[in-house]
Amino acid sequence: MEWTAEAEAKLKEIPFFVRPAARKKIEKFAQENNETVITVEVYIAAKQKFNTRS
């Protein structure tokens, strides 16, 4: 799965110890929504879906 530089930068804001799991969840979300590239918009949509502390 391809990530834009901006989305990669957002991913780096997540603590390193949960980053691999977050990456997998975001990529799965993207695949389920027929996205081929992780953009900031896809990242935000995935984060909103999984974030329960809004």
PDB file of N, CA and C in Angstrom:
ATOM      1  N   MET A   1       0.853  -1.180   0.000  1.00  0.00           N
ATOM      2  CA  MET A   1       0.000   0.000   0.000  1.00  0.00           C
ATOM      3  C   MET A   1       0.892   1.233   0.000  1.00  0.00           C
ATOM      4  N   GLU A   2       0.582   2.145  -0.877  1.00  0.00           N
ATOM      5  CA  GLU A   2       1.380   3.384  -1.008  1.00  0.00           C
ATOM      6  C   GLU A   2       0.839   4.450  -0.061  1.00  0.00           C
ATOM      7  N   TRP A   3       1.748   5.179   0.556  1.00  0.00           N
ATOM      8  CA  TRP A   3       1.409   6.279   1.454  1.00  0.00           C
ATOM      9  C   TRP A   3       1.989   7.569   0.889  1.00  0.00           C
ATOM     10  N   THR A   4       1.228   8.657   0.975  1.00  0.00           N
ATOM     11  CA  THR A   4       1.789   9.960   0.594  1.00  0.00           C
ATOM     12  C   THR A   4       2.726  10.404   1.713  1.00  0.00           C
ATOM     13  N   ALA A   5       3.616  11.327   1.393  1.00  0.00           N
ATOM     14  CA  ALA A   5       4.557  11.833   2.395  1.00  0.00           C
ATOM     15  C   ALA A   5       3.808  12.501   3.547  1.00  0.00           C
ATOM     16  N   GLU A   6       2.722  13.192   3.219  1.00  0.00           N
ATOM     17  CA  GLU A   6       1.940  13.874   4.256  1.00  0.00           C
ATOM     18  C   GLU A   6       1.296  12.870   5.211  1.00  0.00           C
ATOM     19  N   ALA A   7       0.761  11.783   4.660  1.00  0.00           N
ATOM     20  CA  ALA A   7       0.136  10.750   5.499  1.00  0.00           C
ATOM     21  C   ALA A   7       1.186  10.049   6.363  1.00  0.00           C
ATOM     22  N   GLU A   8       2.365   9.797   5.790  1.00  0.00           N
ATOM     23  CA  GLU A   8       3.461   9.196   6.570  1.00  0.00           C
ATOM     24  C   GLU A   8       3.841  10.099   7.737  1.00  0.00           C
ATOM     25  N   ALA A   9       3.858  11.398   7.499  1.00  0.00           N
ATOM     26  CA  ALA A   9       4.198  12.347   8.559  1.00  0.00           C
ATOM     27  C   ALA A   9       3.157  12.290   9.670  1.00  0.00           C
ATOM     28  N   LYS A  10       1.875  12.179   9.309  1.00  0.00           N
ATOM     29  CA  LYS A  10       0.821  12.061  10.316  1.00  0.00           C
ATOM     30  C   LYS A  10       0.989  10.767  11.109  1.00  0.00           C
ATOM     31  N   LEU A  11       1.356   9.695  10.427  1.00  0.00           N
ATOM     32  CA  LEU A  11       1.547   8.407  11.096  1.00  0.00           C
ATOM     33  C   LEU A  11       2.651   8.516  12.146  1.00  0.00           C
ATOM     34  N   LYS A  12       3.662   9.311  11.869  1.00  0.00           N
ATOM     35  CA  LYS A  12       4.781   9.460  12.808  1.00  0.00           C
ATOM     36  C   LYS A  12       4.384  10.210  14.075  1.00  0.00           C
ATOM     37  N   GLU A  13       3.201  10.821  14.080  1.00  0.00           N
ATOM     38  CA  GLU A  13       2.694  11.476  15.291  1.00  0.00           C
ATOM     39  C   GLU A  13       2.174  10.449  16.298  1.00  0.00           C
ATOM     40  N   ILE A  14       1.919   9.237  15.823  1.00  0.00           N
ATOM     41  CA  ILE A  14       1.430   8.158  16.692  1.00  0.00           C
ATOM     42  C   ILE A  14       2.634   7.570  17.430  1.00  0.00           C
ATOM     43  N   PRO A  15       2.485   7.260  18.716  1.00  0.00           N
ATOM     44  CA  PRO A  15       3.612   6.677  19.455  1.00  0.00           C
ATOM     45  C   PRO A  15       4.173   5.440  18.749  1.00  0.00           C
ATOM     46  N   PHE A  16       5.497   5.338  18.733  1.00  0.00           N
ATOM     47  CA  PHE A  16       6.171   4.293  17.960  1.00  0.00           C
ATOM     48  C   PHE A  16       5.724   2.887  18.326  1.00  0.00           C
ATOM     49  N   PHE A  17       5.347   2.656  19.577  1.00  0.00           N
ATOM     50  CA  PHE A  17       5.012   1.298  19.995  1.00  0.00           C
ATOM     51  C   PHE A  17       3.645   0.824  19.494  1.00  0.00           C
ATOM     52  N   VAL A  18       2.789   1.721  19.068  1.00  0.00           N
ATOM     53  CA  VAL A  18       1.505   1.319  18.478  1.00  0.00           C
ATOM     54  C   VAL A  18       1.433   1.613  16.977  1.00  0.00           C
ATOM     55  N   ARG A  19       2.462   2.238  16.454  1.00  0.00           N
ATOM     56  CA  ARG A  19       2.472   2.634  15.035  1.00  0.00           C
ATOM     57  C   ARG A  19       2.261   1.464  14.075  1.00  0.00           C
ATOM     58  N   PRO A  20       2.943   0.308  14.269  1.00  0.00           N
ATOM     59  CA  PRO A  20       2.706  -0.799  13.324  1.00  0.00           C
ATOM     60  C   PRO A  20       1.250  -1.265  13.297  1.00  0.00           C
ATOM     61  N   ALA A  21       0.618  -1.349  14.454  1.00  0.00           N
ATOM     62  CA  ALA A  21      -0.787  -1.756  14.504  1.00  0.00           C
ATOM     63  C   ALA A  21      -1.673  -0.704  13.848  1.00  0.00           C
ATOM     64  N   ALA A  22      -1.378   0.559  14.096  1.00  0.00           N
ATOM     65  CA  ALA A  22      -2.151   1.646  13.493  1.00  0.00           C
ATOM     66  C   ALA A  22      -2.017   1.613  11.975  1.00  0.00           C
ATOM     67  N   ARG A  23      -0.801   1.387  11.495  1.00  0.00           N
ATOM     68  CA  ARG A  23      -0.573   1.308  10.044  1.00  0.00           C
ATOM     69  C   ARG A  23      -1.426   0.201   9.436  1.00  0.00           C
ATOM     70  N   LYS A  24      -1.442  -0.965  10.071  1.00  0.00           N
ATOM     71  CA  LYS A  24      -2.232  -2.091   9.547  1.00  0.00           C
ATOM     72  C   LYS A  24      -3.718  -1.765   9.530  1.00  0.00           C
ATOM     73  N   LYS A  25      -4.213  -1.133  10.600  1.00  0.00           N
ATOM     74  CA  LYS A  25      -5.638  -0.773  10.658  1.00  0.00           C
ATOM     75  C   LYS A  25      -5.988   0.235   9.575  1.00  0.00           C
ATOM     76  N   ILE A  26      -5.129   1.221   9.383  1.00  0.00           N
ATOM     77  CA  ILE A  26      -5.383   2.246   8.371  1.00  0.00           C
ATOM     78  C   ILE A  26      -5.359   1.631   6.979  1.00  0.00           C
ATOM     79  N   GLU A  27      -4.397   0.755   6.729  1.00  0.00           N
ATOM     80  CA  GLU A  27      -4.322   0.100   5.420  1.00  0.00           C
ATOM     81  C   GLU A  27      -5.532  -0.801   5.180  1.00  0.00           C
ATOM     82  N   LYS A  28      -5.992  -1.508   6.207  1.00  0.00           N
ATOM     83  CA  LYS A  28      -7.182  -2.347   6.067  1.00  0.00           C
ATOM     84  C   LYS A  28      -8.405  -1.483   5.775  1.00  0.00           C
ATOM     85  N   PHE A  29      -8.529  -0.366   6.498  1.00  0.00           N
ATOM     86  CA  PHE A  29      -9.625   0.573   6.262  1.00  0.00           C
ATOM     87  C   PHE A  29      -9.605   1.052   4.802  1.00  0.00           C
ATOM     88  N   ALA A  30      -8.425   1.404   4.319  1.00  0.00           N
ATOM     89  CA  ALA A  30      -8.285   1.886   2.940  1.00  0.00           C
ATOM     90  C   ALA A  30      -8.709   0.811   1.938  1.00  0.00           C
ATOM     91  N   GLN A  31      -8.256  -0.415   2.156  1.00  0.00           N
ATOM     92  CA  GLN A  31      -8.616  -1.508   1.247  1.00  0.00           C
ATOM     93  C   GLN A  31     -10.124  -1.731   1.229  1.00  0.00           C
ATOM     94  N   GLU A  32     -10.737  -1.691   2.412  1.00  0.00           N
ATOM     95  CA  GLU A  32     -12.189  -1.894   2.503  1.00  0.00           C
ATOM     96  C   GLU A  32     -12.963  -0.784   1.793  1.00  0.00           C
ATOM     97  N   ASN A  33     -12.325   0.373   1.643  1.00  0.00           N
ATOM     98  CA  ASN A  33     -12.959   1.511   0.977  1.00  0.00           C
ATOM     99  C   ASN A  33     -12.410   1.734  -0.426  1.00  0.00           C
ATOM    100  N   ASN A  34     -11.783   0.702  -0.974  1.00  0.00           N
ATOM    101  CA  ASN A  34     -11.269   0.720  -2.349  1.00  0.00           C
ATOM    102  C   ASN A  34     -10.289   1.847  -2.625  1.00  0.00           C
ATOM    103  N   GLU A  35      -9.503   2.182  -1.628  1.00  0.00           N
ATOM    104  CA  GLU A  35      -8.454   3.194  -1.796  1.00  0.00           C
ATOM    105  C   GLU A  35      -7.145   2.474  -2.110  1.00  0.00           C
ATOM    106  N   THR A  36      -6.351   3.044  -2.993  1.00  0.00           N
ATOM    107  CA  THR A  36      -5.073   2.430  -3.339  1.00  0.00           C
ATOM    108  C   THR A  36      -3.892   3.199  -2.771  1.00  0.00           C
ATOM    109  N   VAL A  37      -4.141   4.438  -2.353  1.00  0.00           N
ATOM    110  CA  VAL A  37      -3.094   5.284  -1.786  1.00  0.00           C
ATOM    111  C   VAL A  37      -3.614   5.857  -0.473  1.00  0.00           C
ATOM    112  N   ILE A  38      -2.770   5.805   0.560  1.00  0.00           N
ATOM    113  CA  ILE A  38      -3.129   6.412   1.837  1.00  0.00           C
ATOM    114  C   ILE A  38      -2.761   7.889   1.762  1.00  0.00           C
ATOM    115  N   THR A  39      -3.788   8.719   1.740  1.00  0.00           N
ATOM    116  CA  THR A  39      -3.599  10.174   1.757  1.00  0.00           C
ATOM    117  C   THR A  39      -3.944  10.663   3.166  1.00  0.00           C
ATOM    118  N   VAL A  40      -3.728  11.939   3.410  1.00  0.00           N
ATOM    119  CA  VAL A  40      -4.103  12.505   4.703  1.00  0.00           C
ATOM    120  C   VAL A  40      -5.607  12.339   4.923  1.00  0.00           C
ATOM    121  N   GLU A  41      -6.392  12.495   3.874  1.00  0.00           N
ATOM    122  CA  GLU A  41      -7.841  12.353   3.995  1.00  0.00           C
ATOM    123  C   GLU A  41      -8.231  10.939   4.403  1.00  0.00           C
ATOM    124  N   VAL A  42      -7.604   9.948   3.807  1.00  0.00           N
ATOM    125  CA  VAL A  42      -7.870   8.549   4.167  1.00  0.00           C
ATOM    126  C   VAL A  42      -7.415   8.304   5.604  1.00  0.00           C
ATOM    127  N   TYR A  43      -6.256   8.823   5.948  1.00  0.00           N
ATOM    128  CA  TYR A  43      -5.727   8.695   7.301  1.00  0.00           C
ATOM    129  C   TYR A  43      -6.712   9.253   8.324  1.00  0.00           C
ATOM    130  N   ILE A  44      -7.219  10.457   8.066  1.00  0.00           N
ATOM    131  CA  ILE A  44      -8.149  11.104   8.992  1.00  0.00           C
ATOM    132  C   ILE A  44      -9.453  10.310   9.102  1.00  0.00           C
ATOM    133  N   ALA A  45      -9.968   9.843   7.972  1.00  0.00           N
ATOM    134  CA  ALA A  45     -11.208   9.058   7.992  1.00  0.00           C
ATOM    135  C   ALA A  45     -11.019   7.779   8.800  1.00  0.00           C
ATOM    136  N   ALA A  46      -9.887   7.112   8.613  1.00  0.00           N
ATOM    137  CA  ALA A  46      -9.608   5.885   9.361  1.00  0.00           C
ATOM    138  C   ALA A  46      -9.465   6.190  10.843  1.00  0.00           C
ATOM    139  N   LYS A  47      -8.761   7.257  11.153  1.00  0.00           N
ATOM    140  CA  LYS A  47      -8.557   7.624  12.560  1.00  0.00           C
ATOM    141  C   LYS A  47      -9.887   7.940  13.231  1.00  0.00           C
ATOM    142  N   GLN A  48     -10.764   8.643  12.521  1.00  0.00           N
ATOM    143  CA  GLN A  48     -12.088   8.962  13.074  1.00  0.00           C
ATOM    144  C   GLN A  48     -12.883   7.693  13.331  1.00  0.00           C
ATOM    145  N   LYS A  49     -12.760   6.731  12.444  1.00  0.00           N
ATOM    146  CA  LYS A  49     -13.504   5.472  12.611  1.00  0.00           C
ATOM    147  C   LYS A  49     -13.016   4.718  13.848  1.00  0.00           C
ATOM    148  N   PHE A  50     -11.712   4.703  14.069  1.00  0.00           N
ATOM    149  CA  PHE A  50     -11.147   3.896  15.150  1.00  0.00           C
ATOM    150  C   PHE A  50     -10.985   4.651  16.464  1.00  0.00           C
ATOM    151  N   ASN A  51     -11.043   5.967  16.419  1.00  0.00           N
ATOM    152  CA  ASN A  51     -10.837   6.751  17.629  1.00  0.00           C
ATOM    153  C   ASN A  51     -12.136   6.816  18.423  1.00  0.00           C
ATOM    154  N   THR A  52     -12.109   6.261  19.629  1.00  0.00           N
ATOM    155  CA  THR A  52     -13.312   6.257  20.452  1.00  0.00           C
ATOM    156  C   THR A  52     -13.320   7.415  21.441  1.00  0.00           C
ATOM    157  N   ARG A  53     -12.218   8.181  21.487  1.00  0.00           N
ATOM    158  CA  ARG A  53     -12.117   9.296  22.429  1.00  0.00           C
ATOM    159  C   ARG A  53     -12.438  10.633  21.803  1.00  0.00           C
ATOM    160  N   SER A  54     -12.860  10.662  20.549  1.00  0.00           N
ATOM    161  CA  SER A  54     -13.127  11.890  19.802  1.00  0.00           C
ATOM    162  C   SER A  54     -13.046  13.075  20.664  1.00  0.00           C
TER     163      SER A  54
END
